[in-house]
Amino acid sequence: MGVDRPIQYVNVWAISREPAFRPERFLEEDFDMKGRDFRLLPFGVGRRVFPGAQLGINFVAFMLGHLLHHCHWALPIGMTAEEIDVRENPGQVTYMRTPLQSVPTPRLPADLYKRVAVDI
């Protein structure tokens, strides 16, 4: 009555430990953020997908949009763009060797950011 399907295993250990990180593989094409793409295995796949992955992606986009909209960003006084060190530390997690320093200043006057109670 049923259909026999062969069991397939995914070697998650090998995928998570690629010797080189190639971010360009995410630039060219669209991929599914709902757990059907094997390039996002840390979040799980299929029915075992992490339910908070989409919430996290939305939250990061929301917060980044707010920071970019509400602030002017500048380098510290006396620093030029040529002095920024963009080298990375090698390892499983890539981060900058020297932390980026920037100075945010409010884009609008402070009184426009006050919260006002509204009765509905």
PDB file of N, CA and C in Angstrom:
ATOM      1  N   MET A   1       0.818  -1.193   0.000  1.00  0.00           N
ATOM      2  CA  MET A   1       0.000   0.000   0.000  1.00  0.00           C
ATOM      3  C   MET A   1       0.862   1.257   0.000  1.00  0.00           C
ATOM      4  N   GLY A   2       1.930   1.256   0.799  1.00  0.00           N
ATOM      5  CA  GLY A   2       2.766   2.450   0.917  1.00  0.00           C
ATOM      6  C   GLY A   2       3.870   2.472  -0.122  1.00  0.00           C
ATOM      7  N   VAL A   3       4.567   3.554  -0.130  1.00  0.00           N
ATOM      8  CA  VAL A   3       5.690   3.723  -1.042  1.00  0.00           C
ATOM      9  C   VAL A   3       6.975   3.576  -0.239  1.00  0.00           C
ATOM     10  N   ASP A   4       7.880   2.742  -0.725  1.00  0.00           N
ATOM     11  CA  ASP A   4       9.171   2.575  -0.063  1.00  0.00           C
ATOM     12  C   ASP A   4      10.139   3.637  -0.565  1.00  0.00           C
ATOM     13  N   ARG A   5      10.689   4.400   0.366  1.00  0.00           N
ATOM     14  CA  ARG A   5      11.676   5.415   0.011  1.00  0.00           C
ATOM     15  C   ARG A   5      12.991   5.068   0.704  1.00  0.00           C
ATOM     16  N   PRO A   6      14.087   5.191  -0.006  1.00  0.00           N
ATOM     17  CA  PRO A   6      15.370   4.915   0.655  1.00  0.00           C
ATOM     18  C   PRO A   6      15.693   6.016   1.669  1.00  0.00           C
ATOM     19  N   ILE A   7      16.347   5.625   2.741  1.00  0.00           N
ATOM     20  CA  ILE A   7      16.733   6.586   3.767  1.00  0.00           C
ATOM     21  C   ILE A   7      17.925   7.386   3.259  1.00  0.00           C
ATOM     22  N   GLN A   8      17.858   8.699   3.423  1.00  0.00           N
ATOM     23  CA  GLN A   8      18.960   9.561   3.015  1.00  0.00           C
ATOM     24  C   GLN A   8      19.467  10.313   4.240  1.00  0.00           C
ATOM     25  N   TYR A   9      20.767  10.358   4.373  1.00  0.00           N
ATOM     26  CA  TYR A   9      21.385  11.070   5.480  1.00  0.00           C
ATOM     27  C   TYR A   9      22.167  12.263   4.943  1.00  0.00           C
ATOM     28  N   VAL A  10      22.172  13.328   5.712  1.00  0.00           N
ATOM     29  CA  VAL A  10      22.956  14.511   5.371  1.00  0.00           C
ATOM     30  C   VAL A  10      24.097  14.603   6.375  1.00  0.00           C
ATOM     31  N   ASN A  11      25.307  14.729   5.875  1.00  0.00           N
ATOM     32  CA  ASN A  11      26.477  14.833   6.738  1.00  0.00           C
ATOM     33  C   ASN A  11      26.615  16.277   7.217  1.00  0.00           C
ATOM     34  N   VAL A  12      25.876  16.616   8.263  1.00  0.00           N
ATOM     35  CA  VAL A  12      25.859  17.978   8.788  1.00  0.00           C
ATOM     36  C   VAL A  12      27.219  18.347   9.359  1.00  0.00           C
ATOM     37  N   TRP A  13      27.903  17.394   9.950  1.00  0.00           N
ATOM     38  CA  TRP A  13      29.215  17.666  10.520  1.00  0.00           C
ATOM     39  C   TRP A  13      30.167  18.189   9.448  1.00  0.00           C
ATOM     40  N   ALA A  14      30.179  17.581   8.284  1.00  0.00           N
ATOM     41  CA  ALA A  14      31.086  17.998   7.207  1.00  0.00           C
ATOM     42  C   ALA A  14      30.684  19.350   6.633  1.00  0.00           C
ATOM     43  N   ILE A  15      29.395  19.611   6.534  1.00  0.00           N
ATOM     44  CA  ILE A  15      28.935  20.880   5.969  1.00  0.00           C
ATOM     45  C   ILE A  15      29.309  22.034   6.885  1.00  0.00           C
ATOM     46  N   SER A  16      29.217  21.832   8.173  1.00  0.00           N
ATOM     47  CA  SER A  16      29.514  22.905   9.123  1.00  0.00           C
ATOM     48  C   SER A  16      31.001  23.172   9.273  1.00  0.00           C
ATOM     49  N   ARG A  17      31.841  22.314   8.724  1.00  0.00           N
ATOM     50  CA  ARG A  17      33.281  22.460   8.901  1.00  0.00           C
ATOM     51  C   ARG A  17      34.022  22.577   7.575  1.00  0.00           C
ATOM     52  N   GLU A  18      33.492  23.360   6.676  1.00  0.00           N
ATOM     53  CA  GLU A  18      34.183  23.599   5.415  1.00  0.00           C
ATOM     54  C   GLU A  18      35.470  24.355   5.706  1.00  0.00           C
ATOM     55  N   PRO A  19      36.562  24.033   5.010  1.00  0.00           N
ATOM     56  CA  PRO A  19      37.831  24.695   5.311  1.00  0.00           C
ATOM     57  C   PRO A  19      37.847  26.180   4.969  1.00  0.00           C
ATOM     58  N   ALA A  20      37.019  26.595   4.021  1.00  0.00           N
ATOM     59  CA  ALA A  20      37.013  28.007   3.625  1.00  0.00           C
ATOM     60  C   ALA A  20      35.582  28.526   3.608  1.00  0.00           C
ATOM     61  N   PHE A  21      35.403  29.718   4.147  1.00  0.00           N
ATOM     62  CA  PHE A  21      34.089  30.359   4.101  1.00  0.00           C
ATOM     63  C   PHE A  21      34.001  31.156   2.816  1.00  0.00           C
ATOM     64  N   ARG A  22      32.984  30.900   2.034  1.00  0.00           N
ATOM     65  CA  ARG A  22      32.803  31.575   0.752  1.00  0.00           C
ATOM     66  C   ARG A  22      31.478  32.332   0.766  1.00  0.00           C
ATOM     67  N   PRO A  23      31.458  33.579   1.227  1.00  0.00           N
ATOM     68  CA  PRO A  23      30.200  34.318   1.296  1.00  0.00           C
ATOM     69  C   PRO A  23      29.612  34.639  -0.068  1.00  0.00           C
ATOM     70  N   GLU A  24      30.423  34.589  -1.131  1.00  0.00           N
ATOM     71  CA  GLU A  24      29.915  34.909  -2.463  1.00  0.00           C
ATOM     72  C   GLU A  24      28.851  33.915  -2.934  1.00  0.00           C
ATOM     73  N   ARG A  25      28.783  32.734  -2.337  1.00  0.00           N
ATOM     74  CA  ARG A  25      27.762  31.759  -2.752  1.00  0.00           C
ATOM     75  C   ARG A  25      26.353  32.219  -2.392  1.00  0.00           C
ATOM     76  N   PHE A  26      26.227  33.201  -1.495  1.00  0.00           N
ATOM     77  CA  PHE A  26      24.917  33.718  -1.125  1.00  0.00           C
ATOM     78  C   PHE A  26      24.518  34.944  -1.940  1.00  0.00           C
ATOM     79  N   LEU A  27      25.418  35.491  -2.751  1.00  0.00           N
ATOM     80  CA  LEU A  27      25.146  36.739  -3.452  1.00  0.00           C
ATOM     81  C   LEU A  27      24.337  36.569  -4.726  1.00  0.00           C
ATOM     82  N   GLU A  28      24.606  35.559  -5.509  1.00  0.00           N
ATOM     83  CA  GLU A  28      24.062  35.435  -6.856  1.00  0.00           C
ATOM     84  C   GLU A  28      22.584  35.057  -6.900  1.00  0.00           C
ATOM     85  N   GLU A  29      22.192  34.102  -6.121  1.00  0.00           N
ATOM     86  CA  GLU A  29      20.859  33.530  -6.284  1.00  0.00           C
ATOM     87  C   GLU A  29      20.019  33.684  -5.017  1.00  0.00           C
ATOM     88  N   ASP A  30      18.730  33.572  -5.196  1.00  0.00           N
ATOM     89  CA  ASP A  30      17.826  33.587  -4.050  1.00  0.00           C
ATOM     90  C   ASP A  30      17.799  32.196  -3.427  1.00  0.00           C
ATOM     91  N   PHE A  31      17.564  32.153  -2.136  1.00  0.00           N
ATOM     92  CA  PHE A  31      17.412  30.867  -1.478  1.00  0.00           C
ATOM     93  C   PHE A  31      16.292  30.958  -0.468  1.00  0.00           C
ATOM     94  N   ASP A  32      15.764  29.798  -0.110  1.00  0.00           N
ATOM     95  CA  ASP A  32      14.588  29.706   0.741  1.00  0.00           C
ATOM     96  C   ASP A  32      14.985  29.856   2.205  1.00  0.00           C
ATOM     97  N   MET A  33      14.403  30.817   2.887  1.00  0.00           N
ATOM     98  CA  MET A  33      14.691  31.040   4.300  1.00  0.00           C
ATOM     99  C   MET A  33      13.770  30.228   5.207  1.00  0.00           C
ATOM    100  N   LYS A  34      12.920  29.392   4.639  1.00  0.00           N
ATOM    101  CA  LYS A  34      11.931  28.667   5.435  1.00  0.00           C
ATOM    102  C   LYS A  34      12.389  27.267   5.821  1.00  0.00           C
ATOM    103  N   GLY A  35      13.666  26.947   5.629  1.00  0.00           N
ATOM    104  CA  GLY A  35      14.171  25.660   6.081  1.00  0.00           C
ATOM    105  C   GLY A  35      14.246  24.597   5.022  1.00  0.00           C
ATOM    106  N   ARG A  36      14.193  24.967   3.751  1.00  0.00           N
ATOM    107  CA  ARG A  36      14.282  23.965   2.698  1.00  0.00           C
ATOM    108  C   ARG A  36      15.613  24.036   1.943  1.00  0.00           C
ATOM    109  N   ASP A  37      16.501  24.906   2.377  1.00  0.00           N
ATOM    110  CA  ASP A  37      17.784  25.076   1.705  1.00  0.00           C
ATOM    111  C   ASP A  37      18.893  24.564   2.620  1.00  0.00           C
ATOM    112  N   PHE A  38      19.745  23.691   2.097  1.00  0.00           N
ATOM    113  CA  PHE A  38      20.776  23.070   2.922  1.00  0.00           C
ATOM    114  C   PHE A  38      21.924  24.020   3.261  1.00  0.00           C
ATOM    115  N   ARG A  39      21.969  25.208   2.657  1.00  0.00           N
ATOM    116  CA  ARG A  39      23.024  26.157   3.007  1.00  0.00           C
ATOM    117  C   ARG A  39      22.773  26.798   4.366  1.00  0.00           C
ATOM    118  N   LEU A  40      21.589  26.661   4.901  1.00  0.00           N
ATOM    119  CA  LEU A  40      21.254  27.254   6.194  1.00  0.00           C
ATOM    120  C   LEU A  40      21.029  26.174   7.248  1.00  0.00           C
ATOM    121  N   LEU A  41      21.810  25.111   7.203  1.00  0.00           N
ATOM    122  CA  LEU A  41      21.618  23.994   8.123  1.00  0.00           C
ATOM    123  C   LEU A  41      21.752  24.335   9.605  1.00  0.00           C
ATOM    124  N   PRO A  42      22.512  25.339  10.012  1.00  0.00           N
ATOM    125  CA  PRO A  42      22.537  25.632  11.448  1.00  0.00           C
ATOM    126  C   PRO A  42      21.161  25.966  12.022  1.00  0.00           C
ATOM    127  N   PHE A  43      20.225  26.409  11.192  1.00  0.00           N
ATOM    128  CA  PHE A  43      18.875  26.708  11.657  1.00  0.00           C
ATOM    129  C   PHE A  43      17.947  25.504  11.559  1.00  0.00           C
ATOM    130  N   GLY A  44      18.425  24.376  11.045  1.00  0.00           N
ATOM    131  CA  GLY A  44      17.598  23.197  10.885  1.00  0.00           C
ATOM    132  C   GLY A  44      16.959  23.166   9.514  1.00  0.00           C
ATOM    133  N   VAL A  45      16.352  22.018   9.184  1.00  0.00           N
ATOM    134  CA  VAL A  45      15.762  21.832   7.859  1.00  0.00           C
ATOM    135  C   VAL A  45      14.413  21.143   8.003  1.00  0.00           C
ATOM    136  N   GLY A  46      13.478  21.520   7.142  1.00  0.00           N
ATOM    137  CA  GLY A  46      12.188  20.830   7.072  1.00  0.00           C
ATOM    138  C   GLY A  46      11.361  20.987   8.331  1.00  0.00           C
ATOM    139  N   ARG A  47      10.825  19.864   8.812  1.00  0.00           N
ATOM    140  CA  ARG A  47       9.972  19.916  10.000  1.00  0.00           C
ATOM    141  C   ARG A  47      10.758  20.238  11.266  1.00  0.00           C
ATOM    142  N   ARG A  48      12.069  20.065  11.225  1.00  0.00           N
ATOM    143  CA  ARG A  48      12.913  20.324  12.400  1.00  0.00           C
ATOM    144  C   ARG A  48      13.541  21.714  12.367  1.00  0.00           C
ATOM    145  N   VAL A  49      13.004  22.594  11.568  1.00  0.00           N
ATOM    146  CA  VAL A  49      13.575  23.929  11.434  1.00  0.00           C
ATOM    147  C   VAL A  49      13.386  24.722  12.725  1.00  0.00           C
ATOM    148  N   PHE A  50      14.352  25.568  13.041  1.00  0.00           N
ATOM    149  CA  PHE A  50      14.292  26.408  14.231  1.00  0.00           C
ATOM    150  C   PHE A  50      13.227  27.476  14.024  1.00  0.00           C
ATOM    151  N   PRO A  51      12.191  27.539  14.858  1.00  0.00           N
ATOM    152  CA  PRO A  51      11.097  28.485  14.625  1.00  0.00           C
ATOM    153  C   PRO A  51      11.493  29.946  14.806  1.00  0.00           C
ATOM    154  N   GLY A  52      12.572  30.215  15.503  1.00  0.00           N
ATOM    155  CA  GLY A  52      12.971  31.597  15.730  1.00  0.00           C
ATOM    156  C   GLY A  52      13.888  32.174  14.669  1.00  0.00           C
ATOM    157  N   ALA A  53      14.253  31.394  13.650  1.00  0.00           N
ATOM    158  CA  ALA A  53      15.179  31.892  12.627  1.00  0.00           C
ATOM    159  C   ALA A  53      14.587  33.086  11.889  1.00  0.00           C
ATOM    160  N   GLN A  54      13.365  32.984  11.444  1.00  0.00           N
ATOM    161  CA  GLN A  54      12.749  34.086  10.708  1.00  0.00           C
ATOM    162  C   GLN A  54      12.543  35.298  11.610  1.00  0.00           C
ATOM    163  N   LEU A  55      12.198  35.071  12.870  1.00  0.00           N
ATOM    164  CA  LEU A  55      12.068  36.172  13.822  1.00  0.00           C
ATOM    165  C   LEU A  55      13.404  36.892  13.992  1.00  0.00           C
ATOM    166  N   GLY A  56      14.483  36.137  14.106  1.00  0.00           N
ATOM    167  CA  GLY A  56      15.806  36.741  14.243  1.00  0.00           C
ATOM    168  C   GLY A  56      16.196  37.548  13.025  1.00  0.00           C
ATOM    169  N   ILE A  57      15.939  37.031  11.839  1.00  0.00           N
ATOM    170  CA  ILE A  57      16.263  37.744  10.602  1.00  0.00           C
ATOM    171  C   ILE A  57      15.449  39.029  10.506  1.00  0.00           C
ATOM    172  N   ASN A  58      14.163  38.956  10.827  1.00  0.00           N
ATOM    173  CA  ASN A  58      13.318  40.156  10.795  1.00  0.00           C
ATOM    174  C   ASN A  58      13.769  41.183  11.829  1.00  0.00           C
ATOM    175  N   PHE A  59      14.151  40.715  13.013  1.00  0.00           N
ATOM    176  CA  PHE A  59      14.568  41.624  14.078  1.00  0.00           C
ATOM    177  C   PHE A  59      15.856  42.357  13.705  1.00  0.00           C
ATOM    178  N   VAL A  60      16.821  41.641  13.134  1.00  0.00           N
ATOM    179  CA  VAL A  60      18.076  42.282  12.724  1.00  0.00           C
ATOM    180  C   VAL A  60      17.807  43.331  11.652  1.00  0.00           C
ATOM    181  N   ALA A  61      16.973  43.012  10.669  1.00  0.00           N
ATOM    182  CA  ALA A  61      16.643  43.982   9.614  1.00  0.00           C
ATOM    183  C   ALA A  61      15.921  45.197  10.200  1.00  0.00           C
ATOM    184  N   PHE A  62      15.013  44.976  11.142  1.00  0.00           N
ATOM    185  CA  PHE A  62      14.269  46.059  11.787  1.00  0.00           C
ATOM    186  C   PHE A  62      15.205  46.990  12.559  1.00  0.00           C
ATOM    187  N   MET A  63      16.081  46.418  13.372  1.00  0.00           N
ATOM    188  CA  MET A  63      16.992  47.225  14.184  1.00  0.00           C
ATOM    189  C   MET A  63      18.009  47.963  13.315  1.00  0.00           C
ATOM    190  N   LEU A  64      18.529  47.313  12.286  1.00  0.00           N
ATOM    191  CA  LEU A  64      19.473  47.974  11.393  1.00  0.00           C
ATOM    192  C   LEU A  64      18.807  49.142  10.673  1.00  0.00           C
ATOM    193  N   GLY A  65      17.567  48.953  10.241  1.00  0.00           N
ATOM    194  CA  GLY A  65      16.828  50.036   9.602  1.00  0.00           C
ATOM    195  C   GLY A  65      16.630  51.217  10.532  1.00  0.00           C
ATOM    196  N   HIS A  66      16.304  50.943  11.793  1.00  0.00           N
ATOM    197  CA  HIS A  66      16.133  52.026  12.767  1.00  0.00           C
ATOM    198  C   HIS A  66      17.439  52.768  13.012  1.00  0.00           C
ATOM    199  N   LEU A  67      18.526  52.033  13.164  1.00  0.00           N
ATOM    200  CA  LEU A  67      19.809  52.694  13.402  1.00  0.00           C
ATOM    201  C   LEU A  67      20.220  53.559  12.221  1.00  0.00           C
ATOM    202  N   LEU A  68      20.022  53.060  11.015  1.00  0.00           N
ATOM    203  CA  LEU A  68      20.395  53.835   9.832  1.00  0.00           C
ATOM    204  C   LEU A  68      19.483  55.039   9.637  1.00  0.00           C
ATOM    205  N   HIS A  69      18.214  54.899   9.960  1.00  0.00           N
ATOM    206  CA  HIS A  69      17.259  55.988   9.762  1.00  0.00           C
ATOM    207  C   HIS A  69      17.410  57.100  10.802  1.00  0.00           C
ATOM    208  N   HIS A  70      17.660  56.732  12.048  1.00  0.00           N
ATOM    209  CA  HIS A  70      17.639  57.709  13.138  1.00  0.00           C
ATOM    210  C   HIS A  70      18.975  58.384  13.409  1.00  0.00           C
ATOM    211  N   CYS A  71      20.057  57.918  12.801  1.00  0.00           N
ATOM    212  CA  CYS A  71      21.371  58.465  13.137  1.00  0.00           C
ATOM    213  C   CYS A  71      22.173  58.843  11.901  1.00  0.00           C
ATOM    214  N   HIS A  72      23.004  59.863  12.081  1.00  0.00           N
ATOM    215  CA  HIS A  72      24.083  60.151  11.139  1.00  0.00           C
ATOM    216  C   HIS A  72      25.305  59.431  11.698  1.00  0.00           C
ATOM    217  N   TRP A  73      26.047  58.760  10.848  1.00  0.00           N
ATOM    218  CA  TRP A  73      27.209  58.002  11.298  1.00  0.00           C
ATOM    219  C   TRP A  73      28.469  58.669  10.779  1.00  0.00           C
ATOM    220  N   ALA A  74      29.463  58.851  11.652  1.00  0.00           N
ATOM    221  CA  ALA A  74      30.721  59.486  11.272  1.00  0.00           C
ATOM    222  C   ALA A  74      31.881  58.773  11.962  1.00  0.00           C
ATOM    223  N   LEU A  75      33.066  58.990  11.434  1.00  0.00           N
ATOM    224  CA  LEU A  75      34.275  58.458  12.057  1.00  0.00           C
ATOM    225  C   LEU A  75      34.639  59.324  13.257  1.00  0.00           C
ATOM    226  N   PRO A  76      35.398  58.769  14.211  1.00  0.00           N
ATOM    227  CA  PRO A  76      35.854  59.592  15.337  1.00  0.00           C
ATOM    228  C   PRO A  76      36.696  60.768  14.843  1.00  0.00           C
ATOM    229  N   ILE A  77      36.757  61.812  15.634  1.00  0.00           N
ATOM    230  CA  ILE A  77      37.498  63.018  15.258  1.00  0.00           C
ATOM    231  C   ILE A  77      38.969  62.660  15.041  1.00  0.00           C
ATOM    232  N   GLY A  78      39.495  63.102  13.917  1.00  0.00           N
ATOM    233  CA  GLY A  78      40.898  62.862  13.597  1.00  0.00           C
ATOM    234  C   GLY A  78      41.156  61.588  12.824  1.00  0.00           C
ATOM    235  N   MET A  79      40.154  60.769  12.594  1.00  0.00           N
ATOM    236  CA  MET A  79      40.335  59.515  11.861  1.00  0.00           C
ATOM    237  C   MET A  79      39.834  59.682  10.434  1.00  0.00           C
ATOM    238  N   THR A  80      40.575  59.130   9.483  1.00  0.00           N
ATOM    239  CA  THR A  80      40.164  59.189   8.080  1.00  0.00           C
ATOM    240  C   THR A  80      39.737  57.808   7.613  1.00  0.00           C
ATOM    241  N   ALA A  81      39.043  57.760   6.497  1.00  0.00           N
ATOM    242  CA  ALA A  81      38.556  56.483   5.967  1.00  0.00           C
ATOM    243  C   ALA A  81      39.705  55.552   5.603  1.00  0.00           C
ATOM    244  N   GLU A  82      40.848  56.102   5.204  1.00  0.00           N
ATOM    245  CA  GLU A  82      41.998  55.274   4.835  1.00  0.00           C
ATOM    246  C   GLU A  82      42.614  54.575   6.042  1.00  0.00           C
ATOM    247  N   GLU A  83      42.372  55.069   7.233  1.00  0.00           N
ATOM    248  CA  GLU A  83      42.941  54.484   8.451  1.00  0.00           C
ATOM    249  C   GLU A  83      42.133  53.305   8.982  1.00  0.00           C
ATOM    250  N   ILE A  84      40.986  53.020   8.412  1.00  0.00           N
ATOM    251  CA  ILE A  84      40.146  51.921   8.890  1.00  0.00           C
ATOM    252  C   ILE A  84      40.798  50.597   8.513  1.00  0.00           C
ATOM    253  N   ASP A  85      41.000  49.745   9.498  1.00  0.00           N
ATOM    254  CA  ASP A  85      41.603  48.432   9.282  1.00  0.00           C
ATOM    255  C   ASP A  85      40.486  47.431   9.014  1.00  0.00           C
ATOM    256  N   VAL A  86      40.409  46.925   7.785  1.00  0.00           N
ATOM    257  CA  VAL A  86      39.333  45.999   7.423  1.00  0.00           C
ATOM    258  C   VAL A  86      39.815  44.552   7.374  1.00  0.00           C
ATOM    259  N   ARG A  87      41.003  44.287   7.904  1.00  0.00           N
ATOM    260  CA  ARG A  87      41.497  42.907   7.931  1.00  0.00           C
ATOM    261  C   ARG A  87      40.668  42.082   8.916  1.00  0.00           C
ATOM    262  N   GLU A  88      40.623  40.775   8.658  1.00  0.00           N
ATOM    263  CA  GLU A  88      39.825  39.876   9.484  1.00  0.00           C
ATOM    264  C   GLU A  88      40.727  38.893  10.209  1.00  0.00           C
ATOM    265  N   ASN A  89      40.263  38.399  11.343  1.00  0.00           N
ATOM    266  CA  ASN A  89      40.944  37.318  12.042  1.00  0.00           C
ATOM    267  C   ASN A  89      40.451  35.995  11.488  1.00  0.00           C
ATOM    268  N   PRO A  90      41.345  35.076  11.153  1.00  0.00           N
ATOM    269  CA  PRO A  90      40.897  33.773  10.647  1.00  0.00           C
ATOM    270  C   PRO A  90      40.337  32.923  11.787  1.00  0.00           C
ATOM    271  N   GLY A  91      39.456  32.028  11.443  1.00  0.00           N
ATOM    272  CA  GLY A  91      38.879  31.133  12.431  1.00  0.00           C
ATOM    273  C   GLY A  91      37.492  30.690  12.021  1.00  0.00           C
ATOM    274  N   GLN A  92      36.825  29.968  12.912  1.00  0.00           N
ATOM    275  CA  GLN A  92      35.474  29.507  12.600  1.00  0.00           C
ATOM    276  C   GLN A  92      34.508  30.671  12.497  1.00  0.00           C
ATOM    277  N   VAL A  93      34.702  31.681  13.321  1.00  0.00           N
ATOM    278  CA  VAL A  93      33.889  32.888  13.268  1.00  0.00           C
ATOM    279  C   VAL A  93      34.795  34.022  12.800  1.00  0.00           C
ATOM    280  N   THR A  94      34.375  34.722  11.759  1.00  0.00           N
ATOM    281  CA  THR A  94      35.190  35.801  11.216  1.00  0.00           C
ATOM    282  C   THR A  94      34.780  37.122  11.847  1.00  0.00           C
ATOM    283  N   TYR A  95      35.756  37.845  12.351  1.00  0.00           N
ATOM    284  CA  TYR A  95      35.493  39.171  12.892  1.00  0.00           C
ATOM    285  C   TYR A  95      36.681  40.068  12.569  1.00  0.00           C
ATOM    286  N   MET A  96      36.478  41.361  12.675  1.00  0.00           N
ATOM    287  CA  MET A  96      37.525  42.321  12.332  1.00  0.00           C
ATOM    288  C   MET A  96      38.649  42.281  13.368  1.00  0.00           C
ATOM    289  N   ARG A  97      39.888  42.439  12.908  1.00  0.00           N
ATOM    290  CA  ARG A  97      41.023  42.478  13.835  1.00  0.00           C
ATOM    291  C   ARG A  97      40.940  43.689  14.750  1.00  0.00           C
ATOM    292  N   THR A  98      40.569  44.809  14.186  1.00  0.00           N
ATOM    293  CA  THR A  98      40.411  46.040  14.954  1.00  0.00           C
ATOM    294  C   THR A  98      38.937  46.430  14.904  1.00  0.00           C
ATOM    295  N   PRO A  99      38.272  46.554  16.036  1.00  0.00           N
ATOM    296  CA  PRO A  99      36.845  46.916  16.004  1.00  0.00           C
ATOM    297  C   PRO A  99      36.613  48.250  15.300  1.00  0.00           C
ATOM    298  N   LEU A 100      35.568  48.306  14.522  1.00  0.00           N
ATOM    299  CA  LEU A 100      35.208  49.530  13.817  1.00  0.00           C
ATOM    300  C   LEU A 100      34.664  50.539  14.820  1.00  0.00           C
ATOM    301  N   GLN A 101      35.161  51.748  14.754  1.00  0.00           N
ATOM    302  CA  GLN A 101      34.689  52.803  15.644  1.00  0.00           C
ATOM    303  C   GLN A 101      33.909  53.814  14.821  1.00  0.00           C
ATOM    304  N   SER A 102      32.728  54.146  15.279  1.00  0.00           N
ATOM    305  CA  SER A 102      31.916  55.153  14.605  1.00  0.00           C
ATOM    306  C   SER A 102      31.165  55.958  15.664  1.00  0.00           C
ATOM    307  N   VAL A 103      30.778  57.149  15.278  1.00  0.00           N
ATOM    308  CA  VAL A 103      30.097  58.051  16.204  1.00  0.00           C
ATOM    309  C   VAL A 103      28.697  58.329  15.665  1.00  0.00           C
ATOM    310  N   PRO A 104      27.661  57.814  16.345  1.00  0.00           N
ATOM    311  CA  PRO A 104      26.297  58.129  15.910  1.00  0.00           C
ATOM    312  C   PRO A 104      25.828  59.445  16.523  1.00  0.00           C
ATOM    313  N   THR A 105      25.170  60.244  15.727  1.00  0.00           N
ATOM    314  CA  THR A 105      24.538  61.465  16.229  1.00  0.00           C
ATOM    315  C   THR A 105      23.089  61.456  15.764  1.00  0.00           C
ATOM    316  N   PRO A 106      22.161  61.934  16.590  1.00  0.00           N
ATOM    317  CA  PRO A 106      20.746  61.912  16.195  1.00  0.00           C
ATOM    318  C   PRO A 106      20.515  62.713  14.914  1.00  0.00           C
ATOM    319  N   ARG A 107      19.679  62.175  14.061  1.00  0.00           N
ATOM    320  CA  ARG A 107      19.370  62.841  12.797  1.00  0.00           C
ATOM    321  C   ARG A 107      18.351  63.955  12.990  1.00  0.00           C
ATOM    322  N   LEU A 108      17.440  63.775  13.923  1.00  0.00           N
ATOM    323  CA  LEU A 108      16.369  64.742  14.184  1.00  0.00           C
ATOM    324  C   LEU A 108      16.520  65.302  15.596  1.00  0.00           C
ATOM    325  N   PRO A 109      15.854  66.417  15.909  1.00  0.00           N
ATOM    326  CA  PRO A 109      15.908  66.962  17.277  1.00  0.00           C
ATOM    327  C   PRO A 109      15.380  65.952  18.301  1.00  0.00           C
ATOM    328  N   ALA A 110      15.924  66.014  19.517  1.00  0.00           N
ATOM    329  CA  ALA A 110      15.601  65.045  20.563  1.00  0.00           C
ATOM    330  C   ALA A 110      14.123  65.039  20.934  1.00  0.00           C
ATOM    331  N   ASP A 111      13.433  66.181  20.858  1.00  0.00           N
ATOM    332  CA  ASP A 111      12.025  66.213  21.261  1.00  0.00           C
ATOM    333  C   ASP A 111      11.135  65.406  20.310  1.00  0.00           C
ATOM    334  N   LEU A 112      11.586  65.131  19.110  1.00  0.00           N
ATOM    335  CA  LEU A 112      10.795  64.315  18.185  1.00  0.00           C
ATOM    336  C   LEU A 112      10.846  62.827  18.520  1.00  0.00           C
ATOM    337  N   TYR A 113      11.805  62.422  19.354  1.00  0.00           N
ATOM    338  CA  TYR A 113      11.940  61.020  19.725  1.00  0.00           C
ATOM    339  C   TYR A 113      11.224  60.678  21.023  1.00  0.00           C
ATOM    340  N   LYS A 114      10.584  61.652  21.667  1.00  0.00           N
ATOM    341  CA  LYS A 114       9.893  61.392  22.927  1.00  0.00           C
ATOM    342  C   LYS A 114       8.658  60.544  22.686  1.00  0.00           C
ATOM    343  N   ARG A 115       8.412  59.659  23.635  1.00  0.00           N
ATOM    344  CA  ARG A 115       7.209  58.829  23.556  1.00  0.00           C
ATOM    345  C   ARG A 115       6.034  59.601  24.129  1.00  0.00           C
ATOM    346  N   VAL A 116       4.932  59.516  23.452  1.00  0.00           N
ATOM    347  CA  VAL A 116       3.727  60.214  23.887  1.00  0.00           C
ATOM    348  C   VAL A 116       2.644  59.170  24.129  1.00  0.00           C
ATOM    349  N   ALA A 117       2.001  59.248  25.296  1.00  0.00           N
ATOM    350  CA  ALA A 117       0.916  58.320  25.605  1.00  0.00           C
ATOM    351  C   ALA A 117      -0.304  58.667  24.756  1.00  0.00           C
ATOM    352  N   VAL A 118      -0.900  57.652  24.170  1.00  0.00           N
ATOM    353  CA  VAL A 118      -2.074  57.852  23.319  1.00  0.00           C
ATOM    354  C   VAL A 118      -3.210  57.010  23.880  1.00  0.00           C
ATOM    355  N   ASP A 119      -4.354  57.631  24.103  1.00  0.00           N
ATOM    356  CA  ASP A 119      -5.538  56.895  24.550  1.00  0.00           C
ATOM    357  C   ASP A 119      -6.326  56.443  23.332  1.00  0.00           C
ATOM    358  N   ILE A 120      -6.641  55.179  23.314  1.00  0.00           N
ATOM    359  CA  ILE A 120      -7.413  54.632  22.186  1.00  0.00           C
ATOM    360  C   ILE A 120      -8.785  54.229  22.664  1.00  0.00           C
TER     361      ILE A 120
END
